[in-house]
């Protein structure tokens, strides 16, 4: 029944945007061949973008690539993996690299995610 409802809605107001259709197709292809899909909302970070963060006196540079991120000549699926590698603790990668503000309770308590 929900398929019919969706189809009626699709006919009335339109279907998925082309960009969303491409993302879903890429996700399906990744899953079909056993590749770990990149689910992080990183689509706004275009390949070639460099992210630079100083941490404990050292500068760390990450480059966005089509399949994730590159840090020190190694490929990673997420910024959080890289942030964890740099800090030794669990961090939200987008927060660590300044792409996203931490949640209000995190700011208020001085912690990190």
N, C-alpha and C. Protein backbone atom coordinates (compact mmCIF):
# COMPACT_ATOMS: atom_id res chain seq x y z
N UNK A 1 0.81 -1.19 0.00
CA UNK A 1 0.00 0.00 0.00
C UNK A 1 0.87 1.27 0.00
N UNK A 2 1.98 1.24 0.77
CA UNK A 2 2.83 2.43 0.82
C UNK A 2 3.48 2.69 -0.54
N UNK A 3 3.69 1.65 -1.33
CA UNK A 3 4.25 1.84 -2.68
C UNK A 3 3.27 2.62 -3.54
N UNK A 4 2.00 2.28 -3.42
CA UNK A 4 0.98 3.00 -4.18
C UNK A 4 0.90 4.46 -3.74
N UNK A 5 0.95 4.67 -2.44
CA UNK A 5 0.90 6.03 -1.91
C UNK A 5 2.09 6.84 -2.42
N UNK A 6 3.27 6.23 -2.40
CA UNK A 6 4.46 6.94 -2.89
C UNK A 6 4.31 7.26 -4.37
N UNK A 7 3.80 6.30 -5.14
CA UNK A 7 3.65 6.50 -6.58
C UNK A 7 2.69 7.65 -6.88
N UNK A 8 1.59 7.72 -6.12
CA UNK A 8 0.63 8.81 -6.31
C UNK A 8 1.27 10.15 -5.95
N UNK A 9 2.03 10.17 -4.87
CA UNK A 9 2.72 11.39 -4.46
C UNK A 9 3.74 11.79 -5.53
N UNK A 10 4.45 10.81 -6.05
CA UNK A 10 5.45 11.07 -7.09
C UNK A 10 4.81 11.68 -8.33
N UNK A 11 3.64 11.17 -8.71
CA UNK A 11 2.95 11.71 -9.88
C UNK A 11 2.42 13.12 -9.62
N UNK A 12 2.06 13.38 -8.37
CA UNK A 12 1.49 14.68 -8.03
C UNK A 12 2.55 15.76 -7.86
N UNK A 13 3.58 15.49 -7.07
CA UNK A 13 4.56 16.54 -6.76
C UNK A 13 5.95 16.28 -7.34
N UNK A 14 6.12 15.16 -7.99
CA UNK A 14 7.42 14.85 -8.58
C UNK A 14 8.17 13.81 -7.78
N UNK A 15 9.16 13.22 -8.42
CA UNK A 15 9.95 12.17 -7.78
C UNK A 15 11.21 12.71 -7.14
N UNK A 16 12.14 11.83 -6.92
CA UNK A 16 13.40 12.20 -6.30
C UNK A 16 14.22 13.08 -7.26
N UNK A 17 14.96 14.01 -6.68
CA UNK A 17 15.85 14.84 -7.48
C UNK A 17 16.90 13.94 -8.13
N UNK A 18 17.42 14.39 -9.26
CA UNK A 18 18.42 13.64 -10.00
C UNK A 18 19.65 13.34 -9.14
N UNK A 19 20.08 14.30 -8.33
CA UNK A 19 21.25 14.10 -7.48
C UNK A 19 21.01 12.99 -6.46
N UNK A 20 19.80 12.92 -5.93
CA UNK A 20 19.47 11.88 -4.95
C UNK A 20 19.42 10.52 -5.65
N UNK A 21 18.86 10.50 -6.84
CA UNK A 21 18.83 9.25 -7.61
C UNK A 21 20.24 8.73 -7.87
N UNK A 22 21.16 9.65 -8.22
CA UNK A 22 22.56 9.26 -8.46
C UNK A 22 23.19 8.70 -7.18
N UNK A 23 22.92 9.36 -6.06
CA UNK A 23 23.48 8.89 -4.78
C UNK A 23 22.97 7.50 -4.43
N UNK A 24 21.69 7.27 -4.64
CA UNK A 24 21.12 5.95 -4.35
C UNK A 24 21.69 4.88 -5.28
N UNK A 25 21.86 5.22 -6.54
CA UNK A 25 22.45 4.28 -7.50
C UNK A 25 23.88 3.94 -7.10
N UNK A 26 24.66 4.96 -6.72
CA UNK A 26 26.06 4.73 -6.29
C UNK A 26 26.09 3.85 -5.05
N UNK A 27 25.20 4.11 -4.10
CA UNK A 27 25.12 3.30 -2.89
C UNK A 27 24.81 1.84 -3.24
N UNK A 28 23.84 1.64 -4.12
CA UNK A 28 23.47 0.28 -4.53
C UNK A 28 24.64 -0.42 -5.23
N UNK A 29 25.36 0.31 -6.09
CA UNK A 29 26.51 -0.28 -6.79
C UNK A 29 27.61 -0.64 -5.80
N UNK A 30 27.89 0.24 -4.85
CA UNK A 30 28.91 -0.04 -3.83
C UNK A 30 28.56 -1.31 -3.05
N UNK A 31 27.30 -1.41 -2.64
CA UNK A 31 26.87 -2.58 -1.88
C UNK A 31 26.93 -3.84 -2.72
N UNK A 32 26.60 -3.74 -3.99
CA UNK A 32 26.59 -4.91 -4.88
C UNK A 32 27.99 -5.49 -5.07
N UNK A 33 29.01 -4.64 -5.09
CA UNK A 33 30.37 -5.14 -5.30
C UNK A 33 31.14 -5.30 -3.99
N UNK A 34 30.48 -5.02 -2.87
CA UNK A 34 31.13 -5.21 -1.58
C UNK A 34 32.00 -4.05 -1.12
N UNK A 35 31.90 -2.91 -1.78
CA UNK A 35 32.66 -1.73 -1.36
C UNK A 35 31.93 -1.05 -0.22
N UNK A 36 32.68 -0.59 0.76
CA UNK A 36 32.06 0.12 1.88
C UNK A 36 31.51 1.45 1.36
N UNK A 37 30.20 1.63 1.45
CA UNK A 37 29.62 2.87 0.95
C UNK A 37 29.97 4.06 1.85
N UNK A 38 30.17 5.21 1.25
CA UNK A 38 30.42 6.42 2.02
C UNK A 38 29.07 7.07 2.30
N UNK A 39 28.65 7.04 3.56
CA UNK A 39 27.34 7.55 3.91
C UNK A 39 27.39 8.91 4.58
N UNK A 40 28.58 9.36 4.93
CA UNK A 40 28.73 10.66 5.56
C UNK A 40 28.27 11.76 4.60
N UNK A 41 27.62 12.77 5.14
CA UNK A 41 27.16 13.88 4.32
C UNK A 41 28.35 14.71 3.87
N UNK A 42 29.14 14.12 2.99
CA UNK A 42 30.33 14.82 2.52
C UNK A 42 30.18 15.25 1.08
N UNK A 43 28.98 15.11 0.54
CA UNK A 43 28.79 15.45 -0.87
C UNK A 43 29.08 16.93 -1.13
N UNK A 44 28.96 17.76 -0.12
CA UNK A 44 29.24 19.17 -0.33
C UNK A 44 30.74 19.43 -0.35
N UNK A 45 31.55 18.45 0.06
CA UNK A 45 33.00 18.58 -0.01
C UNK A 45 33.45 17.98 -1.34
N UNK A 46 33.89 18.81 -2.21
CA UNK A 46 34.26 18.34 -3.55
C UNK A 46 35.66 17.73 -3.54
N UNK A 47 35.87 16.69 -4.36
CA UNK A 47 37.21 16.11 -4.46
C UNK A 47 38.24 17.19 -4.78
N UNK A 48 39.36 17.11 -4.11
CA UNK A 48 40.42 18.10 -4.29
C UNK A 48 40.44 19.14 -3.17
N UNK A 49 39.34 19.22 -2.41
CA UNK A 49 39.28 20.17 -1.29
C UNK A 49 40.27 19.73 -0.22
N UNK A 50 41.05 20.70 0.28
CA UNK A 50 42.01 20.40 1.35
C UNK A 50 41.47 20.94 2.66
N UNK A 51 41.55 20.12 3.69
CA UNK A 51 41.16 20.51 5.04
C UNK A 51 42.43 20.51 5.88
N UNK A 52 42.67 21.61 6.57
CA UNK A 52 43.89 21.73 7.37
C UNK A 52 43.50 22.00 8.81
N UNK A 53 44.13 21.28 9.73
CA UNK A 53 43.86 21.46 11.15
C UNK A 53 45.16 21.35 11.92
N UNK A 54 45.38 22.28 12.82
CA UNK A 54 46.54 22.18 13.70
C UNK A 54 46.10 21.51 14.99
N UNK A 55 46.89 20.55 15.44
CA UNK A 55 46.56 19.82 16.66
C UNK A 55 47.85 19.56 17.42
N UNK A 56 47.92 20.06 18.62
CA UNK A 56 49.08 19.89 19.50
C UNK A 56 50.39 20.26 18.80
N UNK A 57 50.35 21.42 18.12
CA UNK A 57 51.56 21.94 17.50
C UNK A 57 51.91 21.35 16.15
N UNK A 58 51.12 20.42 15.65
CA UNK A 58 51.39 19.81 14.35
C UNK A 58 50.25 20.14 13.39
N UNK A 59 50.60 20.38 12.14
CA UNK A 59 49.60 20.67 11.12
C UNK A 59 49.23 19.38 10.40
N UNK A 60 47.94 19.14 10.28
CA UNK A 60 47.43 17.94 9.62
C UNK A 60 46.61 18.36 8.42
N UNK A 61 46.92 17.78 7.26
CA UNK A 61 46.22 18.13 6.02
C UNK A 61 45.53 16.89 5.45
N UNK A 62 44.25 17.06 5.13
CA UNK A 62 43.43 16.00 4.55
C UNK A 62 42.91 16.50 3.21
N UNK A 63 42.89 15.62 2.22
CA UNK A 63 42.36 15.97 0.91
C UNK A 63 41.15 15.11 0.62
N UNK A 64 40.06 15.76 0.22
CA UNK A 64 38.87 15.01 -0.17
C UNK A 64 39.12 14.37 -1.53
N UNK A 65 38.76 13.10 -1.65
CA UNK A 65 38.85 12.39 -2.93
C UNK A 65 37.48 11.79 -3.22
N UNK A 66 37.27 11.30 -4.41
CA UNK A 66 35.96 10.80 -4.81
C UNK A 66 35.43 9.71 -3.88
N UNK A 67 36.31 8.89 -3.35
CA UNK A 67 35.87 7.76 -2.53
C UNK A 67 36.08 7.97 -1.03
N UNK A 68 36.33 9.20 -0.60
CA UNK A 68 36.52 9.46 0.82
C UNK A 68 37.52 10.57 1.06
N UNK A 69 38.59 10.24 1.81
CA UNK A 69 39.58 11.24 2.16
C UNK A 69 40.97 10.63 2.16
N UNK A 70 41.95 11.46 1.88
CA UNK A 70 43.33 11.01 1.87
C UNK A 70 44.10 11.79 2.94
N UNK A 71 44.82 11.05 3.78
CA UNK A 71 45.61 11.65 4.85
C UNK A 71 46.91 10.86 4.94
N UNK A 72 48.03 11.56 4.81
CA UNK A 72 49.36 10.93 4.84
C UNK A 72 49.45 9.73 3.91
N UNK A 73 49.06 9.97 2.66
CA UNK A 73 49.14 8.97 1.58
C UNK A 73 48.31 7.71 1.83
N UNK A 74 47.34 7.78 2.72
CA UNK A 74 46.46 6.65 2.98
C UNK A 74 45.01 7.11 2.81
N UNK A 75 44.17 6.21 2.31
CA UNK A 75 42.77 6.54 2.07
C UNK A 75 41.90 6.13 3.25
N UNK A 76 40.94 7.00 3.59
CA UNK A 76 40.01 6.75 4.69
C UNK A 76 38.59 7.02 4.21
N UNK A 77 37.63 6.30 4.76
CA UNK A 77 36.24 6.47 4.37
C UNK A 77 35.60 7.69 5.02
N UNK A 78 36.11 8.09 6.20
CA UNK A 78 35.47 9.20 6.90
C UNK A 78 36.47 10.12 7.58
N UNK A 79 36.04 11.34 7.79
CA UNK A 79 36.85 12.29 8.53
C UNK A 79 36.98 11.88 9.99
N UNK A 80 35.98 11.22 10.51
CA UNK A 80 36.04 10.79 11.91
C UNK A 80 37.15 9.78 12.15
N UNK A 81 37.39 8.92 11.19
CA UNK A 81 38.51 7.98 11.30
C UNK A 81 39.83 8.74 11.43
N UNK A 82 39.98 9.77 10.62
CA UNK A 82 41.21 10.55 10.63
C UNK A 82 41.34 11.35 11.92
N UNK A 83 40.24 11.96 12.37
CA UNK A 83 40.26 12.72 13.62
C UNK A 83 40.63 11.82 14.78
N UNK A 84 40.13 10.60 14.79
CA UNK A 84 40.44 9.63 15.85
C UNK A 84 41.92 9.25 15.80
N UNK A 85 42.45 9.08 14.60
CA UNK A 85 43.85 8.75 14.41
C UNK A 85 44.75 9.88 14.94
N UNK A 86 44.37 11.12 14.64
CA UNK A 86 45.17 12.28 15.06
C UNK A 86 45.12 12.48 16.57
N UNK A 87 43.93 12.39 17.15
CA UNK A 87 43.76 12.75 18.56
C UNK A 87 43.88 11.58 19.53
N UNK A 88 43.64 10.37 19.03
CA UNK A 88 43.63 9.21 19.91
C UNK A 88 42.33 9.06 20.68
N UNK A 89 41.33 9.89 20.37
CA UNK A 89 40.02 9.79 21.02
C UNK A 89 38.93 9.90 19.98
N UNK A 90 37.71 9.57 20.37
CA UNK A 90 36.57 9.65 19.44
C UNK A 90 36.18 11.10 19.23
N UNK A 91 36.20 11.52 17.99
CA UNK A 91 35.80 12.86 17.59
C UNK A 91 34.86 12.75 16.40
N UNK A 92 33.96 13.69 16.28
CA UNK A 92 33.22 13.85 15.03
C UNK A 92 34.19 14.50 14.06
N UNK A 93 34.47 13.85 12.96
CA UNK A 93 35.40 14.40 11.98
C UNK A 93 34.99 15.77 11.46
N UNK A 94 33.71 15.94 11.07
CA UNK A 94 33.29 17.25 10.60
C UNK A 94 33.46 18.35 11.67
N UNK A 95 33.24 18.01 12.92
CA UNK A 95 33.45 18.99 14.00
C UNK A 95 34.95 19.27 14.15
N UNK A 96 35.76 18.23 14.18
CA UNK A 96 37.20 18.38 14.37
C UNK A 96 37.81 19.28 13.29
N UNK A 97 37.37 19.10 12.05
CA UNK A 97 37.92 19.87 10.94
C UNK A 97 37.17 21.18 10.68
N UNK A 98 36.24 21.52 11.56
CA UNK A 98 35.56 22.81 11.48
C UNK A 98 34.48 22.92 10.42
N UNK A 99 33.97 21.78 9.95
CA UNK A 99 32.91 21.80 8.95
C UNK A 99 31.53 21.88 9.58
N UNK A 100 31.47 21.54 10.85
CA UNK A 100 30.19 21.49 11.55
C UNK A 100 30.43 21.94 12.98
N UNK A 101 29.49 22.67 13.52
CA UNK A 101 29.61 23.11 14.92
C UNK A 101 29.23 21.96 15.84
N UNK A 102 29.89 21.87 16.99
CA UNK A 102 29.51 20.82 17.94
C UNK A 102 28.11 21.08 18.49
N UNK A 103 27.47 20.04 18.98
CA UNK A 103 26.15 20.17 19.59
C UNK A 103 26.24 21.12 20.78
N UNK A 104 25.15 21.84 21.09
CA UNK A 104 25.19 22.81 22.19
C UNK A 104 25.63 22.22 23.52
N UNK A 105 25.22 21.00 23.83
CA UNK A 105 25.61 20.41 25.12
C UNK A 105 27.10 20.11 25.16
N UNK A 106 27.68 19.84 23.99
CA UNK A 106 29.12 19.59 23.93
C UNK A 106 29.87 20.89 24.16
N UNK A 107 29.43 21.98 23.51
CA UNK A 107 30.07 23.28 23.70
C UNK A 107 29.97 23.71 25.16
N UNK A 108 28.80 23.49 25.76
CA UNK A 108 28.58 23.94 27.14
C UNK A 108 29.43 23.19 28.14
N UNK A 109 29.75 21.94 27.84
CA UNK A 109 30.51 21.11 28.77
C UNK A 109 31.96 20.94 28.38
N UNK A 110 32.36 21.58 27.28
CA UNK A 110 33.77 21.57 26.89
C UNK A 110 34.28 20.24 26.35
N UNK A 111 33.38 19.34 26.01
CA UNK A 111 33.81 18.03 25.51
C UNK A 111 33.87 18.00 24.01
N UNK A 112 34.01 16.83 23.48
CA UNK A 112 33.98 16.64 22.04
C UNK A 112 33.19 15.39 21.76
N UNK A 113 32.77 15.22 20.51
CA UNK A 113 31.99 14.05 20.18
C UNK A 113 32.85 12.97 19.59
